[in-house]
């Protein structure tokens, strides 16, 4: 997220080019108690793929929905993921 938030992650699924899943073991900001993500990339027709992105968060009071920093964080997550996977 632009270098402002730093995570230490533990991957428990790594299928190169197809799937990655991890949970966060440490973050430099107290935004959540638990956080995990799962990315699955599957072919969807000629020269296209479908990304299924699942994440689970147990927020702290600072990271709860509606908190001022929360909207910024999620907008950055979505834009960076979109940029990484080349979506328009």
PDB file of N, CA and C in Angstrom:
ATOM      1  N   UNK A   1       0.825  -1.178   0.000  1.00  0.00           N
ATOM      2  CA  UNK A   1       0.000   0.000   0.000  1.00  0.00           C
ATOM      3  C   UNK A   1       0.869   1.241   0.000  1.00  0.00           C
ATOM      4  N   UNK A   2       1.645   1.345  -1.014  1.00  0.00           N
ATOM      5  CA  UNK A   2       2.482   2.515  -1.142  1.00  0.00           C
ATOM      6  C   UNK A   2       3.598   2.563  -0.112  1.00  0.00           C
ATOM      7  N   UNK A   3       3.887   1.459   0.551  1.00  0.00           N
ATOM      8  CA  UNK A   3       4.955   1.379   1.525  1.00  0.00           C
ATOM      9  C   UNK A   3       4.571   1.824   2.922  1.00  0.00           C
ATOM     10  N   UNK A   4       3.356   2.324   3.132  1.00  0.00           N
ATOM     11  CA  UNK A   4       2.942   2.807   4.449  1.00  0.00           C
ATOM     12  C   UNK A   4       2.621   1.655   5.401  1.00  0.00           C
ATOM     13  N   UNK A   5       2.059   0.593   4.876  1.00  0.00           N
ATOM     14  CA  UNK A   5       1.696  -0.552   5.703  1.00  0.00           C
ATOM     15  C   UNK A   5       2.596  -1.717   5.323  1.00  0.00           C
ATOM     16  N   UNK A   6       3.208  -2.307   6.315  1.00  0.00           N
ATOM     17  CA  UNK A   6       4.116  -3.425   6.082  1.00  0.00           C
ATOM     18  C   UNK A   6       3.568  -4.660   6.794  1.00  0.00           C
ATOM     19  N   UNK A   7       3.559  -5.772   6.054  1.00  0.00           N
ATOM     20  CA  UNK A   7       3.078  -7.047   6.583  1.00  0.00           C
ATOM     21  C   UNK A   7       4.210  -8.067   6.586  1.00  0.00           C
ATOM     22  N   UNK A   8       4.163  -8.969   7.533  1.00  0.00           N
ATOM     23  CA  UNK A   8       4.918 -10.217   7.464  1.00  0.00           C
ATOM     24  C   UNK A   8       3.864 -11.282   7.212  1.00  0.00           C
ATOM     25  N   UNK A   9       4.078 -12.067   6.168  1.00  0.00           N
ATOM     26  CA  UNK A   9       3.067 -13.026   5.722  1.00  0.00           C
ATOM     27  C   UNK A   9       3.614 -14.441   5.777  1.00  0.00           C
ATOM     28  N   UNK A  10       2.720 -15.392   5.963  1.00  0.00           N
ATOM     29  CA  UNK A  10       3.059 -16.808   5.875  1.00  0.00           C
ATOM     30  C   UNK A  10       2.156 -17.424   4.815  1.00  0.00           C
ATOM     31  N   UNK A  11       2.779 -17.880   3.729  1.00  0.00           N
ATOM     32  CA  UNK A  11       2.028 -18.526   2.653  1.00  0.00           C
ATOM     33  C   UNK A  11       1.803 -19.992   2.998  1.00  0.00           C
ATOM     34  N   UNK A  12       0.583 -20.461   2.814  1.00  0.00           N
ATOM     35  CA  UNK A  12       0.294 -21.874   3.028  1.00  0.00           C
ATOM     36  C   UNK A  12      -0.158 -22.554   1.742  1.00  0.00           C
ATOM     37  N   UNK A  13      -0.392 -21.780   0.683  1.00  0.00           N
ATOM     38  CA  UNK A  13      -0.621 -22.324  -0.659  1.00  0.00           C
ATOM     39  C   UNK A  13       0.171 -21.460  -1.628  1.00  0.00           C
ATOM     40  N   UNK A  14       0.960 -22.109  -2.475  1.00  0.00           N
ATOM     41  CA  UNK A  14       1.675 -21.399  -3.516  1.00  0.00           C
ATOM     42  C   UNK A  14       1.708 -22.297  -4.744  1.00  0.00           C
ATOM     43  N   UNK A  15       0.838 -22.015  -5.681  1.00  0.00           N
ATOM     44  CA  UNK A  15       0.798 -22.719  -6.953  1.00  0.00           C
ATOM     45  C   UNK A  15       1.107 -21.672  -8.013  1.00  0.00           C
ATOM     46  N   UNK A  16       2.350 -21.624  -8.430  1.00  0.00           N
ATOM     47  CA  UNK A  16       2.836 -20.569  -9.322  1.00  0.00           C
ATOM     48  C   UNK A  16       1.902 -20.342 -10.507  1.00  0.00           C
ATOM     49  N   UNK A  17       1.488 -19.083 -10.680  1.00  0.00           N
ATOM     50  CA  UNK A  17       0.632 -18.712 -11.795  1.00  0.00           C
ATOM     51  C   UNK A  17      -0.828 -19.093 -11.644  1.00  0.00           C
ATOM     52  N   UNK A  18      -1.183 -19.772 -10.545  1.00  0.00           N
ATOM     53  CA  UNK A  18      -2.562 -20.202 -10.383  1.00  0.00           C
ATOM     54  C   UNK A  18      -3.189 -19.791  -9.057  1.00  0.00           C
ATOM     55  N   UNK A  19      -2.488 -20.016  -7.957  1.00  0.00           N
ATOM     56  CA  UNK A  19      -3.107 -19.745  -6.653  1.00  0.00           C
ATOM     57  C   UNK A  19      -2.047 -19.402  -5.605  1.00  0.00           C
ATOM     58  N   UNK A  20      -2.399 -18.435  -4.760  1.00  0.00           N
ATOM     59  CA  UNK A  20      -1.583 -18.076  -3.613  1.00  0.00           C
ATOM     60  C   UNK A  20      -2.514 -17.756  -2.456  1.00  0.00           C
ATOM     61  N   UNK A  21      -2.186 -18.275  -1.286  1.00  0.00           N
ATOM     62  CA  UNK A  21      -2.974 -17.982  -0.078  1.00  0.00           C
ATOM     63  C   UNK A  21      -2.010 -17.778   1.084  1.00  0.00           C
ATOM     64  N   UNK A  22      -2.323 -16.782   1.901  1.00  0.00           N
ATOM     65  CA  UNK A  22      -1.455 -16.471   3.030  1.00  0.00           C
ATOM     66  C   UNK A  22      -2.255 -15.849   4.163  1.00  0.00           C
ATOM     67  N   UNK A  23      -1.610 -15.816   5.336  1.00  0.00           N
ATOM     68  CA  UNK A  23      -2.145 -15.041   6.447  1.00  0.00           C
ATOM     69  C   UNK A  23      -1.038 -14.143   6.966  1.00  0.00           C
ATOM     70  N   UNK A  24      -1.421 -13.051   7.563  1.00  0.00           N
ATOM     71  CA  UNK A  24      -0.467 -12.073   8.081  1.00  0.00           C
ATOM     72  C   UNK A  24      -0.097 -12.456   9.509  1.00  0.00           C
ATOM     73  N   UNK A  25       1.210 -12.501   9.763  1.00  0.00           N
ATOM     74  CA  UNK A  25       1.696 -12.822  11.105  1.00  0.00           C
ATOM     75  C   UNK A  25       2.041 -11.577  11.907  1.00  0.00           C
ATOM     76  N   UNK A  26       2.275 -10.444  11.187  1.00  0.00           N
ATOM     77  CA  UNK A  26       2.614  -9.188  11.868  1.00  0.00           C
ATOM     78  C   UNK A  26       2.355  -8.026  10.906  1.00  0.00           C
ATOM     79  N   UNK A  27       1.897  -6.910  11.445  1.00  0.00           N
ATOM     80  CA  UNK A  27       1.727  -5.680  10.675  1.00  0.00           C
ATOM     81  C   UNK A  27       2.259  -4.522  11.501  1.00  0.00           C
ATOM     82  N   UNK A  28       2.753  -3.488  10.812  1.00  0.00           N
ATOM     83  CA  UNK A  28       3.320  -2.343  11.527  1.00  0.00           C
ATOM     84  C   UNK A  28       2.255  -1.367  12.037  1.00  0.00           C
ATOM     85  N   UNK A  29       1.003  -1.519  11.591  1.00  0.00           N
ATOM     86  CA  UNK A  29      -0.091  -0.688  12.089  1.00  0.00           C
ATOM     87  C   UNK A  29      -1.173  -1.592  12.688  1.00  0.00           C
ATOM     88  N   UNK A  30      -1.780  -1.184  13.794  1.00  0.00           N
ATOM     89  CA  UNK A  30      -2.772  -2.035  14.475  1.00  0.00           C
ATOM     90  C   UNK A  30      -4.168  -1.928  13.847  1.00  0.00           C
ATOM     91  N   UNK A  31      -4.288  -2.365  12.586  1.00  0.00           N
ATOM     92  CA  UNK A  31      -5.554  -2.243  11.872  1.00  0.00           C
ATOM     93  C   UNK A  31      -6.438  -3.481  11.988  1.00  0.00           C
ATOM     94  N   UNK A  32      -5.854  -4.616  12.328  1.00  0.00           N
ATOM     95  CA  UNK A  32      -6.630  -5.850  12.397  1.00  0.00           C
ATOM     96  C   UNK A  32      -6.007  -6.827  13.384  1.00  0.00           C
ATOM     97  N   UNK A  33      -6.835  -7.741  13.856  1.00  0.00           N
ATOM     98  CA  UNK A  33      -6.371  -8.832  14.719  1.00  0.00           C
ATOM     99  C   UNK A  33      -5.928 -10.015  13.878  1.00  0.00           C
ATOM    100  N   UNK A  34      -6.674 -10.265  12.789  1.00  0.00           N
ATOM    101  CA  UNK A  34      -6.346 -11.347  11.857  1.00  0.00           C
ATOM    102  C   UNK A  34      -6.616 -10.869  10.432  1.00  0.00           C
ATOM    103  N   UNK A  35      -5.804 -11.401   9.494  1.00  0.00           N
ATOM    104  CA  UNK A  35      -5.958 -11.016   8.093  1.00  0.00           C
ATOM    105  C   UNK A  35      -5.412 -12.149   7.230  1.00  0.00           C
ATOM    106  N   UNK A  36      -6.183 -12.546   6.210  1.00  0.00           N
ATOM    107  CA  UNK A  36      -5.742 -13.593   5.285  1.00  0.00           C
ATOM    108  C   UNK A  36      -6.278 -13.286   3.889  1.00  0.00           C
ATOM    109  N   UNK A  37      -5.554 -13.767   2.870  1.00  0.00           N
ATOM    110  CA  UNK A  37      -5.986 -13.584   1.484  1.00  0.00           C
ATOM    111  C   UNK A  37      -5.765 -14.867   0.708  1.00  0.00           C
ATOM    112  N   UNK A  38      -6.608 -15.051  -0.312  1.00  0.00           N
ATOM    113  CA  UNK A  38      -6.511 -16.204  -1.208  1.00  0.00           C
ATOM    114  C   UNK A  38      -6.784 -15.696  -2.620  1.00  0.00           C
ATOM    115  N   UNK A  39      -5.824 -15.882  -3.530  1.00  0.00           N
ATOM    116  CA  UNK A  39      -5.960 -15.483  -4.931  1.00  0.00           C
ATOM    117  C   UNK A  39      -6.009 -16.744  -5.788  1.00  0.00           C
ATOM    118  N   UNK A  40      -7.001 -16.837  -6.659  1.00  0.00           N
ATOM    119  CA  UNK A  40      -7.085 -17.945  -7.609  1.00  0.00           C
ATOM    120  C   UNK A  40      -7.245 -17.345  -9.000  1.00  0.00           C
ATOM    121  N   UNK A  41      -6.381 -17.757  -9.939  1.00  0.00           N
ATOM    122  CA  UNK A  41      -6.443 -17.295 -11.324  1.00  0.00           C
ATOM    123  C   UNK A  41      -6.776 -18.510 -12.189  1.00  0.00           C
ATOM    124  N   UNK A  42      -7.888 -18.399 -12.960  1.00  0.00           N
ATOM    125  CA  UNK A  42      -8.342 -19.510 -13.788  1.00  0.00           C
ATOM    126  C   UNK A  42      -8.607 -19.024 -15.212  1.00  0.00           C
ATOM    127  N   UNK A  43      -8.302 -19.863 -16.214  1.00  0.00           N
ATOM    128  CA  UNK A  43      -8.640 -19.498 -17.597  1.00  0.00           C
ATOM    129  C   UNK A  43     -10.143 -19.267 -17.733  1.00  0.00           C
ATOM    130  N   UNK A  44     -10.487 -18.259 -18.545  1.00  0.00           N
ATOM    131  CA  UNK A  44     -11.894 -17.928 -18.778  1.00  0.00           C
ATOM    132  C   UNK A  44     -12.067 -17.527 -20.244  1.00  0.00           C
ATOM    133  N   UNK A  45     -11.914 -18.495 -21.116  1.00  0.00           N
ATOM    134  CA  UNK A  45     -12.020 -18.195 -22.545  1.00  0.00           C
ATOM    135  C   UNK A  45     -10.661 -17.909 -23.149  1.00  0.00           C
ATOM    136  N   UNK A  46     -10.678 -17.540 -24.420  1.00  0.00           N
ATOM    137  CA  UNK A  46      -9.436 -17.291 -25.147  1.00  0.00           C
ATOM    138  C   UNK A  46      -8.723 -16.058 -24.608  1.00  0.00           C
ATOM    139  N   UNK A  47      -7.482 -16.235 -24.207  1.00  0.00           N
ATOM    140  CA  UNK A  47      -6.628 -15.130 -23.753  1.00  0.00           C
ATOM    141  C   UNK A  47      -7.209 -14.328 -22.600  1.00  0.00           C
ATOM    142  N   UNK A  48      -8.041 -14.943 -21.794  1.00  0.00           N
ATOM    143  CA  UNK A  48      -8.610 -14.252 -20.630  1.00  0.00           C
ATOM    144  C   UNK A  48      -8.489 -15.147 -19.408  1.00  0.00           C
ATOM    145  N   UNK A  49      -8.491 -14.517 -18.258  1.00  0.00           N
ATOM    146  CA  UNK A  49      -8.475 -15.247 -16.995  1.00  0.00           C
ATOM    147  C   UNK A  49      -9.463 -14.594 -16.040  1.00  0.00           C
ATOM    148  N   UNK A  50      -9.880 -15.375 -15.074  1.00  0.00           N
ATOM    149  CA  UNK A  50     -10.750 -14.872 -14.012  1.00  0.00           C
ATOM    150  C   UNK A  50      -9.957 -14.908 -12.711  1.00  0.00           C
ATOM    151  N   UNK A  51      -9.986 -13.798 -11.996  1.00  0.00           N
ATOM    152  CA  UNK A  51      -9.344 -13.704 -10.693  1.00  0.00           C
ATOM    153  C   UNK A  51     -10.421 -13.786  -9.629  1.00  0.00           C
ATOM    154  N   UNK A  52     -10.283 -14.743  -8.735  1.00  0.00           N
ATOM    155  CA  UNK A  52     -11.151 -14.812  -7.562  1.00  0.00           C
ATOM    156  C   UNK A  52     -10.278 -14.451  -6.371  1.00  0.00           C
ATOM    157  N   UNK A  53     -10.637 -13.362  -5.707  1.00  0.00           N
ATOM    158  CA  UNK A  53      -9.831 -12.820  -4.616  1.00  0.00           C
ATOM    159  C   UNK A  53     -10.696 -12.832  -3.365  1.00  0.00           C
ATOM    160  N   UNK A  54     -10.281 -13.621  -2.402  1.00  0.00           N
ATOM    161  CA  UNK A  54     -11.011 -13.725  -1.146  1.00  0.00           C
ATOM    162  C   UNK A  54     -10.090 -13.247  -0.027  1.00  0.00           C
ATOM    163  N   UNK A  55     -10.625 -12.397   0.824  1.00  0.00           N
ATOM    164  CA  UNK A  55      -9.849 -12.032   2.001  1.00  0.00           C
ATOM    165  C   UNK A  55     -10.759 -11.996   3.213  1.00  0.00           C
ATOM    166  N   UNK A  56     -10.147 -12.284   4.348  1.00  0.00           N
ATOM    167  CA  UNK A  56     -10.870 -12.311   5.614  1.00  0.00           C
ATOM    168  C   UNK A  56     -10.120 -11.431   6.600  1.00  0.00           C
ATOM    169  N   UNK A  57     -10.873 -10.587   7.274  1.00  0.00           N
ATOM    170  CA  UNK A  57     -10.263  -9.638   8.206  1.00  0.00           C
ATOM    171  C   UNK A  57     -11.077  -9.596   9.497  1.00  0.00           C
ATOM    172  N   UNK A  58     -10.374  -9.638  10.596  1.00  0.00           N
ATOM    173  CA  UNK A  58     -10.978  -9.306  11.889  1.00  0.00           C
ATOM    174  C   UNK A  58     -10.340  -7.984  12.307  1.00  0.00           C
ATOM    175  N   UNK A  59     -11.049  -6.862  12.119  1.00  0.00           N
ATOM    176  CA  UNK A  59     -10.431  -5.553  12.345  1.00  0.00           C
ATOM    177  C   UNK A  59     -10.352  -5.186  13.825  1.00  0.00           C
ATOM    178  N   UNK A  60      -9.444  -4.277  14.106  1.00  0.00           N
ATOM    179  CA  UNK A  60      -9.421  -3.611  15.404  1.00  0.00           C
ATOM    180  C   UNK A  60     -10.341  -2.397  15.269  1.00  0.00           C
ATOM    181  N   UNK A  61     -10.475  -1.612  16.317  1.00  0.00           N
ATOM    182  CA  UNK A  61     -11.299  -0.403  16.246  1.00  0.00           C
ATOM    183  C   UNK A  61     -10.762   0.548  15.179  1.00  0.00           C
ATOM    184  N   UNK A  62      -9.449   0.614  15.015  1.00  0.00           N
ATOM    185  CA  UNK A  62      -8.842   1.491  14.019  1.00  0.00           C
ATOM    186  C   UNK A  62      -9.121   1.018  12.595  1.00  0.00           C
ATOM    187  N   UNK A  63      -9.255  -0.292  12.381  1.00  0.00           N
ATOM    188  CA  UNK A  63      -9.467  -0.834  11.053  1.00  0.00           C
ATOM    189  C   UNK A  63     -10.903  -1.189  10.722  1.00  0.00           C
ATOM    190  N   UNK A  64     -11.832  -0.891  11.605  1.00  0.00           N
ATOM    191  CA  UNK A  64     -13.233  -1.270  11.391  1.00  0.00           C
ATOM    192  C   UNK A  64     -13.834  -0.554  10.183  1.00  0.00           C
ATOM    193  N   UNK A  65     -14.838  -1.144   9.570  1.00  0.00           N
ATOM    194  CA  UNK A  65     -15.502  -0.468   8.448  1.00  0.00           C
ATOM    195  C   UNK A  65     -15.994   0.916   8.869  1.00  0.00           C
ATOM    196  N   UNK A  66     -15.760   1.873   8.019  1.00  0.00           N
ATOM    197  CA  UNK A  66     -16.168   3.244   8.302  1.00  0.00           C
ATOM    198  C   UNK A  66     -15.086   4.084   8.963  1.00  0.00           C
ATOM    199  N   UNK A  67     -14.019   3.446   9.458  1.00  0.00           N
ATOM    200  CA  UNK A  67     -12.915   4.201  10.051  1.00  0.00           C
ATOM    201  C   UNK A  67     -12.222   5.000   8.940  1.00  0.00           C
ATOM    202  N   UNK A  68     -11.736   6.198   9.230  1.00  0.00           N
ATOM    203  CA  UNK A  68     -11.178   7.067   8.186  1.00  0.00           C
ATOM    204  C   UNK A  68     -10.084   6.412   7.334  1.00  0.00           C
ATOM    205  N   UNK A  69      -9.190   5.683   7.942  1.00  0.00           N
ATOM    206  CA  UNK A  69      -8.086   5.073   7.209  1.00  0.00           C
ATOM    207  C   UNK A  69      -8.538   3.879   6.382  1.00  0.00           C
ATOM    208  N   UNK A  70      -9.624   3.256   6.778  1.00  0.00           N
ATOM    209  CA  UNK A  70     -10.097   2.029   6.142  1.00  0.00           C
ATOM    210  C   UNK A  70     -10.406   2.216   4.659  1.00  0.00           C
ATOM    211  N   UNK A  71     -11.142   3.243   4.276  1.00  0.00           N
ATOM    212  CA  UNK A  71     -11.494   3.474   2.880  1.00  0.00           C
ATOM    213  C   UNK A  71     -10.261   3.633   2.009  1.00  0.00           C
ATOM    214  N   UNK A  72      -9.286   4.388   2.482  1.00  0.00           N
ATOM    215  CA  UNK A  72      -8.037   4.577   1.746  1.00  0.00           C
ATOM    216  C   UNK A  72      -7.321   3.246   1.534  1.00  0.00           C
ATOM    217  N   UNK A  73      -7.235   2.458   2.590  1.00  0.00           N
ATOM    218  CA  UNK A  73      -6.529   1.176   2.516  1.00  0.00           C
ATOM    219  C   UNK A  73      -7.178   0.263   1.485  1.00  0.00           C
ATOM    220  N   UNK A  74      -8.498   0.143   1.518  1.00  0.00           N
ATOM    221  CA  UNK A  74      -9.165  -0.759   0.592  1.00  0.00           C
ATOM    222  C   UNK A  74      -9.109  -0.256  -0.848  1.00  0.00           C
ATOM    223  N   UNK A  75      -9.200   1.033  -1.059  1.00  0.00           N
ATOM    224  CA  UNK A  75      -9.042   1.556  -2.426  1.00  0.00           C
ATOM    225  C   UNK A  75      -7.660   1.209  -2.970  1.00  0.00           C
ATOM    226  N   UNK A  76      -6.636   1.357  -2.146  1.00  0.00           N
ATOM    227  CA  UNK A  76      -5.273   1.019  -2.574  1.00  0.00           C
ATOM    228  C   UNK A  76      -5.125  -0.474  -2.833  1.00  0.00           C
ATOM    229  N   UNK A  77      -5.697  -1.304  -1.968  1.00  0.00           N
ATOM    230  CA  UNK A  77      -5.615  -2.757  -2.184  1.00  0.00           C
ATOM    231  C   UNK A  77      -6.196  -3.132  -3.538  1.00  0.00           C
ATOM    232  N   UNK A  78      -7.377  -2.605  -3.845  1.00  0.00           N
ATOM    233  CA  UNK A  78      -8.031  -2.947  -5.104  1.00  0.00           C
ATOM    234  C   UNK A  78      -7.263  -2.397  -6.300  1.00  0.00           C
ATOM    235  N   UNK A  79      -6.794  -1.161  -6.237  1.00  0.00           N
ATOM    236  CA  UNK A  79      -6.081  -0.590  -7.382  1.00  0.00           C
ATOM    237  C   UNK A  79      -4.739  -1.289  -7.605  1.00  0.00           C
ATOM    238  N   UNK A  80      -4.035  -1.629  -6.542  1.00  0.00           N
ATOM    239  CA  UNK A  80      -2.752  -2.316  -6.694  1.00  0.00           C
ATOM    240  C   UNK A  80      -2.943  -3.737  -7.216  1.00  0.00           C
ATOM    241  N   UNK A  81      -3.984  -4.416  -6.769  1.00  0.00           N
ATOM    242  CA  UNK A  81      -4.262  -5.767  -7.268  1.00  0.00           C
ATOM    243  C   UNK A  81      -4.647  -5.711  -8.739  1.00  0.00           C
ATOM    244  N   UNK A  82      -5.473  -4.756  -9.087  1.00  0.00           N
ATOM    245  CA  UNK A  82      -5.872  -4.589 -10.490  1.00  0.00           C
ATOM    246  C   UNK A  82      -4.645  -4.306 -11.362  1.00  0.00           C
ATOM    247  N   UNK A  83      -3.779  -3.447 -10.907  1.00  0.00           N
ATOM    248  CA  UNK A  83      -2.565  -3.117 -11.663  1.00  0.00           C
ATOM    249  C   UNK A  83      -1.657  -4.343 -11.788  1.00  0.00           C
ATOM    250  N   UNK A  84      -1.499  -5.104 -10.700  1.00  0.00           N
ATOM    251  CA  UNK A  84      -0.644  -6.292 -10.711  1.00  0.00           C
ATOM    252  C   UNK A  84      -1.121  -7.323 -11.723  1.00  0.00           C
ATOM    253  N   UNK A  85      -2.426  -7.530 -11.791  1.00  0.00           N
ATOM    254  CA  UNK A  85      -2.973  -8.553 -12.684  1.00  0.00           C
ATOM    255  C   UNK A  85      -3.324  -7.995 -14.065  1.00  0.00           C
ATOM    256  N   UNK A  86      -3.056  -6.729 -14.306  1.00  0.00           N
ATOM    257  CA  UNK A  86      -3.226  -6.161 -15.633  1.00  0.00           C
ATOM    258  C   UNK A  86      -4.670  -5.925 -16.049  1.00  0.00           C
ATOM    259  N   UNK A  87      -5.571  -5.807 -15.092  1.00  0.00           N
ATOM    260  CA  UNK A  87      -6.985  -5.553 -15.420  1.00  0.00           C
ATOM    261  C   UNK A  87      -7.170  -4.074 -15.723  1.00  0.00           C
ATOM    262  N   UNK A  88      -8.149  -3.785 -16.532  1.00  0.00           N
ATOM    263  CA  UNK A  88      -8.434  -2.372 -16.841  1.00  0.00           C
ATOM    264  C   UNK A  88      -9.606  -1.880 -16.055  1.00  0.00           C
TER     265      UNK A  88
END
